[in-house]
Amino acid sequence: MRLACVGNALYDVVAFVETDFASRFGFHAGSTVHLDRAGMEPILSAIAKSSRGAGGGAVNTAKVFASLGHGAAFAGMVGDDELGASFRGDLDACGIESYVQVGRGRTGTFCAMIAPDGERTVAVAPELAPRLDPSAIPDEFFSSGSTLYVDGFIAANPDALRSLTRRAVGAGMGIALDVAGFRIAVKHRELFLELIRSVCSWTFMNEDEFIALSQTGVDEGLKDFSASAPGTVIVKRAETGAVCVSDGYLLESAVRPIRATDTTGAGDAFAAGFLSAALRGEPLARCLRLGNRVAEQAIQVPGMALDGDRLRRAASTVL
């Protein structure tokens, strides 16, 4: 069982900061800001202590999937800088097959600033991350015994996303898509709908992303939306759990109330847990429960600093 993940390669920095830290840089607390690396550097320099490592949605999913004891690969683009070297070293340390492309320039960065009250302000400098060349990914990445997991941010280059899914279909792979963001779901709605209705075996999204694609709420619209999708549609609902539909069968799974240390990668961890059960042919209810249990583990640590043994023990308790 192998998950071949493709997405934006971002070096993650997660820090617990003072209440006014984000505002010192002109950010509204709780916002997400996109900037360049020149704008990111003063922020990183001001952070005294942080959790750091290879990140981005697809990498987070690959890390958790590998920690659960399965095979994982990642394709993305980094720069020929120190962060790019650290990114590749982190993949190796996690046991993830690396198909990372290296370009001339800077590696993308993601910085989560978490205030004492838990409010999370995010700064992202994509840099080279969106410039992945799908045609340069070797054929061996697309093996028939694997499942393609693609981060929806790849839709910023629609031709790239279509190329990836075509190659996966040609190799006989299943395809899992994470929609990844409200804004990109709005901008590329027709592309996402095209893929969901034609090639996706699993589609993961949160409530806002579902509303952007379906133009209706989850409770009233999920079954109708799924009627035109041959695969399973999963909606992550944060602290209330998750709901999914497969072959007209709707199922919900609640989560236990747990105080979150850091929500970075929680949805990515959920997808890894869900797919680890789904690819073994487990019942849909167990797929949801395992996704929730794995996400519970992810939100109790900063960044994606998961202990593999602890994660596998927690997963083994899911009935």
Protein backbone atom coordinates (compact mmCIF):
# COMPACT_ATOMS: atom_id res chain seq x y z
CA MET A 1 0.00 0.00 0.00
CA ARG A 2 1.59 3.24 -1.17
CA LEU A 3 0.40 6.82 -1.34
CA ALA A 4 2.03 8.95 -4.04
CA CYS A 5 1.52 12.54 -2.91
CA VAL A 6 1.89 15.68 -5.02
CA GLY A 7 1.62 19.25 -3.79
CA ASN A 8 3.28 22.50 -2.85
CA ALA A 9 6.56 21.93 -1.02
CA LEU A 10 6.65 24.39 1.88
CA TYR A 11 9.09 24.44 4.75
CA ASP A 12 6.90 24.68 7.86
CA VAL A 13 7.66 26.87 10.87
CA VAL A 14 5.19 26.62 13.77
CA ALA A 15 5.75 28.92 16.76
CA PHE A 16 3.96 29.82 19.97
CA VAL A 17 4.23 33.60 20.24
CA GLU A 18 3.16 36.57 22.35
CA THR A 19 -0.34 37.98 21.89
CA ASP A 20 0.85 40.97 19.87
CA PHE A 21 3.52 39.17 17.83
CA ALA A 22 1.59 39.00 14.53
CA SER A 23 0.34 42.58 14.84
CA ARG A 24 3.94 43.82 15.07
CA PHE A 25 4.30 42.81 11.43
CA GLY A 26 1.01 44.42 10.40
CA PHE A 27 -1.06 41.22 10.35
CA HIS A 28 -4.60 40.92 11.71
CA ALA A 29 -4.79 38.14 14.27
CA GLY A 30 -6.31 34.99 12.79
CA SER A 31 -5.63 35.97 9.18
CA THR A 32 -3.66 34.20 6.44
CA VAL A 33 -1.22 36.43 4.56
CA HIS A 34 0.71 35.67 1.36
CA LEU A 35 4.06 37.37 0.89
CA ASP A 36 7.51 36.77 -0.55
CA ARG A 37 10.56 35.38 1.24
CA ALA A 38 11.95 38.87 1.75
CA GLY A 39 8.82 39.67 3.73
CA MET A 40 9.01 36.36 5.58
CA GLU A 41 12.61 36.69 6.77
CA PRO A 42 12.00 39.31 9.52
CA ILE A 43 9.24 37.11 10.94
CA LEU A 44 11.41 34.00 11.02
CA SER A 45 14.30 35.95 12.52
CA ALA A 46 12.06 37.22 15.35
CA ILE A 47 10.88 33.73 16.33
CA ALA A 48 13.04 32.38 19.14
CA LYS A 49 11.72 28.82 19.28
CA SER A 50 9.68 26.81 16.79
CA SER A 51 8.87 23.41 15.33
CA ARG A 52 10.32 23.19 11.81
CA GLY A 53 10.30 20.67 8.99
CA ALA A 54 9.10 19.74 5.52
CA GLY A 55 5.47 20.65 5.07
CA GLY A 56 2.62 21.58 2.80
CA GLY A 57 -0.61 19.59 2.73
CA ALA A 58 0.58 16.69 0.59
CA VAL A 59 3.80 16.29 2.61
CA ASN A 60 1.84 16.30 5.87
CA THR A 61 -0.37 13.51 4.55
CA ALA A 62 2.66 11.54 3.34
CA LYS A 63 4.34 11.91 6.75
CA VAL A 64 1.34 10.60 8.63
CA PHE A 65 0.69 7.80 6.15
CA ALA A 66 4.34 6.70 6.50
CA SER A 67 4.11 6.95 10.31
CA LEU A 68 1.17 4.56 10.18
CA GLY A 69 3.51 2.02 8.63
CA HIS A 70 2.69 2.38 4.93
CA GLY A 71 4.65 3.42 1.86
CA ALA A 72 4.62 7.09 0.89
CA ALA A 73 6.20 9.21 -1.84
CA PHE A 74 6.19 12.94 -2.50
CA ALA A 75 6.71 15.07 -5.61
CA GLY A 76 7.08 18.83 -5.36
CA MET A 77 9.55 21.64 -6.02
CA VAL A 78 12.03 23.33 -3.67
CA GLY A 79 14.82 25.84 -4.21
CA ASP A 80 18.55 25.27 -4.34
CA ASP A 81 18.94 26.86 -0.90
CA GLU A 82 19.53 25.68 2.65
CA LEU A 83 15.82 25.24 3.34
CA GLY A 84 15.49 23.06 0.23
CA ALA A 85 18.27 20.81 1.50
CA SER A 86 16.61 20.63 4.93
CA PHE A 87 13.28 19.83 3.29
CA ARG A 88 14.75 16.88 1.37
CA GLY A 89 16.60 15.65 4.45
CA ASP A 90 13.36 15.67 6.44
CA LEU A 91 11.61 13.54 3.81
CA ASP A 92 14.44 11.02 3.97
CA ALA A 93 14.27 10.95 7.79
CA CYS A 94 10.53 10.23 7.59
CA GLY A 95 11.04 7.34 5.16
CA ILE A 96 9.25 9.12 2.30
CA GLU A 97 10.38 8.42 -1.27
CA SER A 98 11.53 11.77 -2.62
CA TYR A 99 10.71 12.94 -6.14
CA VAL A 100 11.52 16.53 -5.26
CA GLN A 101 12.54 18.83 -8.10
CA VAL A 102 15.13 21.49 -7.30
CA GLY A 103 14.92 24.85 -9.06
CA ARG A 104 17.10 27.94 -8.98
CA GLY A 105 15.61 30.13 -6.29
CA ARG A 106 14.07 29.95 -2.85
CA THR A 107 12.11 27.21 -1.15
CA GLY A 108 8.57 28.13 -0.13
CA THR A 109 7.82 28.66 3.55
CA PHE A 110 4.76 28.42 5.79
CA CYS A 111 4.73 30.09 9.19
CA ALA A 112 2.00 29.55 11.80
CA MET A 113 2.08 32.01 14.72
CA ILE A 114 -0.01 30.71 17.61
CA ALA A 115 -1.00 33.20 20.31
CA PRO A 116 -1.56 32.21 23.98
CA ASP A 117 -5.33 32.09 23.42
CA GLY A 118 -4.83 29.61 20.55
CA GLU A 119 -5.55 32.07 17.75
CA ARG A 120 -3.50 31.16 14.70
CA THR A 121 -2.09 33.69 12.25
CA VAL A 122 -0.47 32.28 9.12
CA ALA A 123 2.07 33.73 6.70
CA VAL A 124 2.90 31.89 3.47
CA ALA A 125 5.67 32.61 0.96
CA PRO A 126 5.13 30.09 -1.90
CA GLU A 127 8.28 31.02 -3.88
CA LEU A 128 9.13 27.99 -6.14
CA ALA A 129 6.47 25.65 -4.72
CA PRO A 130 3.86 26.22 -7.49
CA ARG A 131 6.40 25.61 -10.27
CA LEU A 132 6.42 21.82 -10.14
CA ASP A 133 6.80 20.30 -13.61
CA PRO A 134 4.50 17.24 -13.77
CA SER A 135 6.14 16.00 -16.98
CA ALA A 136 9.47 15.71 -15.14
CA ILE A 137 8.10 13.29 -12.53
CA PRO A 138 9.43 9.81 -13.42
CA ASP A 139 6.99 7.12 -14.51
CA GLU A 140 7.95 5.02 -11.49
CA PHE A 141 6.16 7.54 -9.25
CA PHE A 142 2.90 6.52 -10.96
CA SER A 143 2.91 2.82 -10.08
CA SER A 144 -0.24 0.74 -10.48
CA GLY A 145 -0.13 -0.46 -6.87
CA SER A 146 -0.25 3.10 -5.56
CA THR A 147 -2.87 5.80 -5.03
CA LEU A 148 -2.29 9.36 -6.20
CA TYR A 149 -2.98 11.96 -3.49
CA VAL A 150 -3.02 15.45 -4.93
CA ASP A 151 -3.19 18.76 -3.08
CA GLY A 152 -5.79 21.07 -4.60
CA PHE A 153 -3.37 23.99 -4.63
CA ILE A 154 -1.91 22.36 -7.75
CA ALA A 155 -5.05 23.71 -9.48
CA ALA A 156 -3.29 27.08 -9.63
CA ASN A 157 -1.81 25.45 -12.75
CA PRO A 158 -4.84 23.64 -14.25
CA ASP A 159 -2.77 21.93 -16.95
CA ALA A 160 -0.49 20.48 -14.26
CA LEU A 161 -3.42 19.06 -12.31
CA ARG A 162 -4.97 17.53 -15.42
CA SER A 163 -1.58 16.06 -16.43
CA LEU A 164 -1.13 14.42 -13.03
CA THR A 165 -4.56 12.84 -13.04
CA ARG A 166 -4.19 11.64 -16.64
CA ARG A 167 -0.92 9.92 -15.80
CA ALA A 168 -2.47 8.34 -12.72
CA VAL A 169 -5.47 7.05 -14.66
CA GLY A 170 -3.14 5.69 -17.32
CA ALA A 171 -1.20 3.80 -14.66
CA GLY A 172 -4.37 2.33 -13.17
CA MET A 173 -4.07 4.30 -9.93
CA GLY A 174 -6.87 5.42 -7.67
CA ILE A 175 -7.00 9.20 -7.14
CA ALA A 176 -7.59 11.09 -3.91
CA LEU A 177 -8.04 14.87 -4.11
CA ASP A 178 -7.91 17.35 -1.25
CA VAL A 179 -9.57 20.58 -2.36
CA ALA A 180 -7.18 22.48 -0.04
CA GLY A 181 -8.65 25.99 0.11
CA PHE A 182 -11.82 28.08 -0.22
CA ARG A 183 -10.35 30.67 -2.57
CA ILE A 184 -8.88 28.13 -4.96
CA ALA A 185 -12.16 26.18 -4.86
CA VAL A 186 -14.03 29.33 -5.94
CA LYS A 187 -11.51 30.22 -8.64
CA HIS A 188 -11.24 26.72 -10.13
CA ARG A 189 -14.71 25.41 -9.34
CA GLU A 190 -15.36 23.93 -12.78
CA LEU A 191 -12.01 22.13 -12.85
CA PHE A 192 -12.60 20.56 -9.44
CA LEU A 193 -16.13 19.50 -10.39
CA GLU A 194 -14.81 17.97 -13.62
CA LEU A 195 -12.27 15.85 -11.74
CA ILE A 196 -14.60 14.89 -8.89
CA ARG A 197 -17.22 13.70 -11.38
CA SER A 198 -14.79 11.78 -13.59
CA VAL A 199 -11.66 10.42 -11.91
CA CYS A 200 -11.62 10.90 -8.14
CA SER A 201 -12.08 7.86 -5.93
CA TRP A 202 -11.97 10.06 -2.82
CA THR A 203 -12.45 13.81 -2.44
CA PHE A 204 -11.64 15.57 0.83
CA MET A 205 -12.84 19.08 1.63
CA ASN A 206 -13.93 21.22 4.55
CA GLU A 207 -17.33 22.88 4.86
CA ASP A 208 -16.32 26.17 3.24
CA GLU A 209 -14.80 24.34 0.28
CA PHE A 210 -17.92 22.20 -0.09
CA ILE A 211 -20.09 25.32 -0.14
CA ALA A 212 -17.81 26.88 -2.77
CA LEU A 213 -18.16 23.84 -5.04
CA SER A 214 -21.78 22.86 -4.42
CA GLN A 215 -23.15 26.38 -3.79
CA THR A 216 -25.24 24.97 -0.96
CA GLY A 217 -24.75 23.83 2.63
CA VAL A 218 -23.43 20.43 3.66
CA ASP A 219 -26.55 19.19 5.46
CA GLU A 220 -28.92 20.02 2.63
CA GLY A 221 -26.62 19.43 -0.32
CA LEU A 222 -24.13 16.61 0.31
CA LYS A 223 -26.26 13.75 -1.00
CA ASP A 224 -27.25 15.58 -4.16
CA PHE A 225 -23.67 16.70 -4.77
CA SER A 226 -22.40 13.16 -4.34
CA ALA A 227 -24.97 11.73 -6.76
CA SER A 228 -22.84 12.94 -9.66
CA ALA A 229 -19.55 11.77 -8.10
CA PRO A 230 -18.56 8.12 -8.65
CA GLY A 231 -16.21 8.13 -5.66
CA THR A 232 -16.51 8.92 -1.95
CA VAL A 233 -16.97 12.56 -0.93
CA ILE A 234 -15.71 13.41 2.56
CA VAL A 235 -16.38 16.70 4.35
CA LYS A 236 -14.19 17.52 7.35
CA ARG A 237 -16.11 19.51 9.96
CA ALA A 238 -13.33 20.32 12.45
CA GLU A 239 -14.45 19.90 16.06
CA THR A 240 -17.75 18.27 15.03
CA GLY A 241 -16.08 15.40 13.15
CA ALA A 242 -16.63 14.39 9.55
CA VAL A 243 -19.37 13.26 7.20
CA CYS A 244 -19.14 11.37 3.92
CA VAL A 245 -21.24 9.85 1.17
CA SER A 246 -20.43 6.78 -0.90
CA ASP A 247 -22.87 5.09 -3.30
CA GLY A 248 -25.69 7.16 -1.81
CA TYR A 249 -24.88 6.02 1.73
CA LEU A 250 -24.32 8.91 4.14
CA LEU A 251 -22.37 8.42 7.34
CA GLU A 252 -21.23 10.80 10.07
CA SER A 253 -18.52 10.38 12.69
CA ALA A 254 -18.13 12.65 15.70
CA VAL A 255 -14.90 13.46 17.52
CA ARG A 256 -14.04 13.67 21.19
CA PRO A 257 -13.62 17.14 22.73
CA ILE A 258 -9.85 17.68 22.89
CA ARG A 259 -8.03 20.94 23.48
CA ALA A 260 -5.84 21.57 20.44
CA THR A 261 -2.18 22.49 20.81
CA ASP A 262 -1.86 23.27 17.09
CA THR A 263 -4.28 22.52 14.26
CA THR A 264 -1.61 22.64 11.54
CA GLY A 265 -2.06 19.60 9.30
CA ALA A 266 -5.12 18.23 11.11
CA GLY A 267 -7.08 17.79 7.88
CA ASP A 268 -4.05 16.26 6.17
CA ALA A 269 -3.67 13.79 9.04
CA PHE A 270 -7.37 12.95 8.80
CA ALA A 271 -6.96 12.11 5.11
CA ALA A 272 -3.97 9.86 5.86
CA GLY A 273 -5.89 7.98 8.53
CA PHE A 274 -9.00 7.65 6.40
CA LEU A 275 -7.06 6.37 3.39
CA SER A 276 -5.00 3.93 5.43
CA ALA A 277 -8.26 2.17 6.27
CA ALA A 278 -9.96 2.71 2.90
CA LEU A 279 -7.06 1.23 0.94
CA ARG A 280 -7.30 -1.91 3.09
CA GLY A 281 -10.95 -2.21 2.15
CA GLU A 282 -12.21 -1.34 5.64
CA PRO A 283 -15.86 -0.32 6.17
CA LEU A 284 -16.62 3.35 5.66
CA ALA A 285 -17.45 3.85 9.34
CA ARG A 286 -14.00 2.67 10.38
CA CYS A 287 -12.35 4.87 7.76
CA LEU A 288 -14.02 7.90 9.32
CA ARG A 289 -13.20 6.86 12.87
CA LEU A 290 -9.57 6.23 12.01
CA GLY A 291 -9.33 9.57 10.23
CA ASN A 292 -10.70 11.31 13.30
CA ARG A 293 -8.41 9.44 15.70
CA VAL A 294 -5.31 10.26 13.67
CA ALA A 295 -6.33 13.93 13.44
CA GLU A 296 -6.77 13.95 17.24
CA GLN A 297 -3.14 12.92 17.58
CA ALA A 298 -2.00 15.61 15.13
CA ILE A 299 -3.63 18.50 16.98
CA GLN A 300 -1.92 17.58 20.25
CA VAL A 301 1.60 18.34 18.97
CA PRO A 302 3.18 21.42 17.38
CA GLY A 303 3.56 21.22 13.63
CA MET A 304 3.54 17.59 12.55
CA ALA A 305 5.89 16.38 15.30
CA LEU A 306 4.05 13.08 15.66
CA ASP A 307 5.49 10.11 17.52
CA GLY A 308 5.08 7.16 15.15
CA ASP A 309 4.76 4.54 17.89
CA ARG A 310 2.14 6.56 19.74
CA LEU A 311 0.25 7.20 16.52
CA ARG A 312 0.17 3.52 15.59
CA ARG A 313 -0.97 2.56 19.10
CA ALA A 314 -3.81 5.09 18.92
CA ALA A 315 -4.80 3.83 15.46
CA SER A 316 -4.83 0.23 16.69
CA THR A 317 -7.56 1.07 19.23
CA VAL A 318 -10.05 2.12 16.55
CA LEU A 319 -12.66 -0.57 16.07
